[in-house]
Amino acid sequence: MESTMNETVADLSPAAAPTQRDDVATVAAAGILAATLAAFCHETIGHGIGCIAAGAT
């Protein structure tokens, strides 16, 4: 019974799972979205707070 349990655990291990490649278009889209969001936050929050701190209304 112990050997059956070990075989089952081995079958579920990541090393036994088939490897999958990431979809290039999905990874690229996620990177573009992350860069756009970072730039948007930098411009609106960073420069917006600076503008308000300088006395803009």
C-alpha atoms as a PDB file:
ATOM      1  CA  MET A   1       0.000   0.000   0.000  1.00  0.00           C
ATOM      2  CA  GLU A   2       2.864   2.360   0.758  1.00  0.00           C
ATOM      3  CA  SER A   3       4.374   1.943  -2.730  1.00  0.00           C
ATOM      4  CA  THR A   4       1.029   2.782  -4.354  1.00  0.00           C
ATOM      5  CA  MET A   5       0.819   5.978  -2.341  1.00  0.00           C
ATOM      6  CA  ASN A   6       4.364   6.963  -3.335  1.00  0.00           C
ATOM      7  CA  GLU A   7       3.627   6.334  -6.993  1.00  0.00           C
ATOM      8  CA  THR A   8       0.541   8.533  -6.785  1.00  0.00           C
ATOM      9  CA  VAL A   9       2.510  11.368  -5.195  1.00  0.00           C
ATOM     10  CA  ALA A  10       5.219  10.998  -7.839  1.00  0.00           C
ATOM     11  CA  ASP A  11       2.611  11.216 -10.584  1.00  0.00           C
ATOM     12  CA  LEU A  12       1.342  14.520  -9.160  1.00  0.00           C
ATOM     13  CA  SER A  13       4.747  16.126  -8.686  1.00  0.00           C
ATOM     14  CA  PRO A  14       5.636  19.086 -10.935  1.00  0.00           C
ATOM     15  CA  ALA A  15       8.629  17.182 -12.310  1.00  0.00           C
ATOM     16  CA  ALA A  16       6.302  14.508 -13.678  1.00  0.00           C
ATOM     17  CA  ALA A  17       3.893  17.014 -15.235  1.00  0.00           C
ATOM     18  CA  PRO A  18       4.357  17.862 -18.906  1.00  0.00           C
ATOM     19  CA  THR A  19       5.974  21.237 -19.451  1.00  0.00           C
ATOM     20  CA  GLN A  20       3.933  24.032 -20.980  1.00  0.00           C
ATOM     21  CA  ARG A  21       5.249  27.118 -22.698  1.00  0.00           C
ATOM     22  CA  ASP A  22       3.778  30.517 -22.015  1.00  0.00           C
ATOM     23  CA  ASP A  23       1.898  32.076 -24.890  1.00  0.00           C
ATOM     24  CA  VAL A  24       4.121  34.838 -26.294  1.00  0.00           C
ATOM     25  CA  ALA A  25       1.198  37.127 -27.142  1.00  0.00           C
ATOM     26  CA  THR A  26      -0.251  36.803 -23.628  1.00  0.00           C
ATOM     27  CA  VAL A  27       3.082  37.530 -21.950  1.00  0.00           C
ATOM     28  CA  ALA A  28       3.662  40.511 -24.244  1.00  0.00           C
ATOM     29  CA  ALA A  29       0.165  41.858 -23.567  1.00  0.00           C
ATOM     30  CA  ALA A  30       0.650  41.507 -19.802  1.00  0.00           C
ATOM     31  CA  GLY A  31       3.972  43.355 -20.034  1.00  0.00           C
ATOM     32  CA  ILE A  32       2.499  46.166 -22.107  1.00  0.00           C
ATOM     33  CA  LEU A  33      -0.432  46.478 -19.702  1.00  0.00           C
ATOM     34  CA  ALA A  34       1.898  46.577 -16.690  1.00  0.00           C
ATOM     35  CA  ALA A  35       4.126  49.242 -18.277  1.00  0.00           C
ATOM     36  CA  THR A  36       1.122  51.347 -19.280  1.00  0.00           C
ATOM     37  CA  LEU A  37      -0.391  51.111 -15.812  1.00  0.00           C
ATOM     38  CA  ALA A  38       2.936  52.040 -14.185  1.00  0.00           C
ATOM     39  CA  ALA A  39       3.318  55.080 -16.468  1.00  0.00           C
ATOM     40  CA  PHE A  40      -0.290  56.145 -15.873  1.00  0.00           C
ATOM     41  CA  CYS A  41       0.090  55.899 -12.096  1.00  0.00           C
ATOM     42  CA  HIS A  42       3.398  57.778 -12.192  1.00  0.00           C
ATOM     43  CA  GLU A  43       1.973  60.617 -14.252  1.00  0.00           C
ATOM     44  CA  THR A  44      -1.360  61.005 -12.471  1.00  0.00           C
ATOM     45  CA  ILE A  45      -0.372  60.339  -8.873  1.00  0.00           C
ATOM     46  CA  GLY A  46       3.241  61.502  -8.862  1.00  0.00           C
ATOM     47  CA  HIS A  47       2.929  64.654 -10.935  1.00  0.00           C
ATOM     48  CA  GLY A  48      -0.589  65.338  -9.656  1.00  0.00           C
ATOM     49  CA  ILE A  49       0.573  65.390  -6.039  1.00  0.00           C
ATOM     50  CA  GLY A  50       3.553  67.532  -7.040  1.00  0.00           C
ATOM     51  CA  CYS A  51       1.294  69.961  -8.838  1.00  0.00           C
ATOM     52  CA  ILE A  52      -1.060  70.246  -5.868  1.00  0.00           C
ATOM     53  CA  ALA A  53       1.872  70.630  -3.481  1.00  0.00           C
ATOM     54  CA  ALA A  54       3.174  73.502  -5.627  1.00  0.00           C
ATOM     55  CA  GLY A  55      -0.112  75.314  -5.166  1.00  0.00           C
ATOM     56  CA  ALA A  56      -2.082  74.485  -8.303  1.00  0.00           C
ATOM     57  CA  THR A  57      -5.847  74.441  -8.016  1.00  0.00           C
END
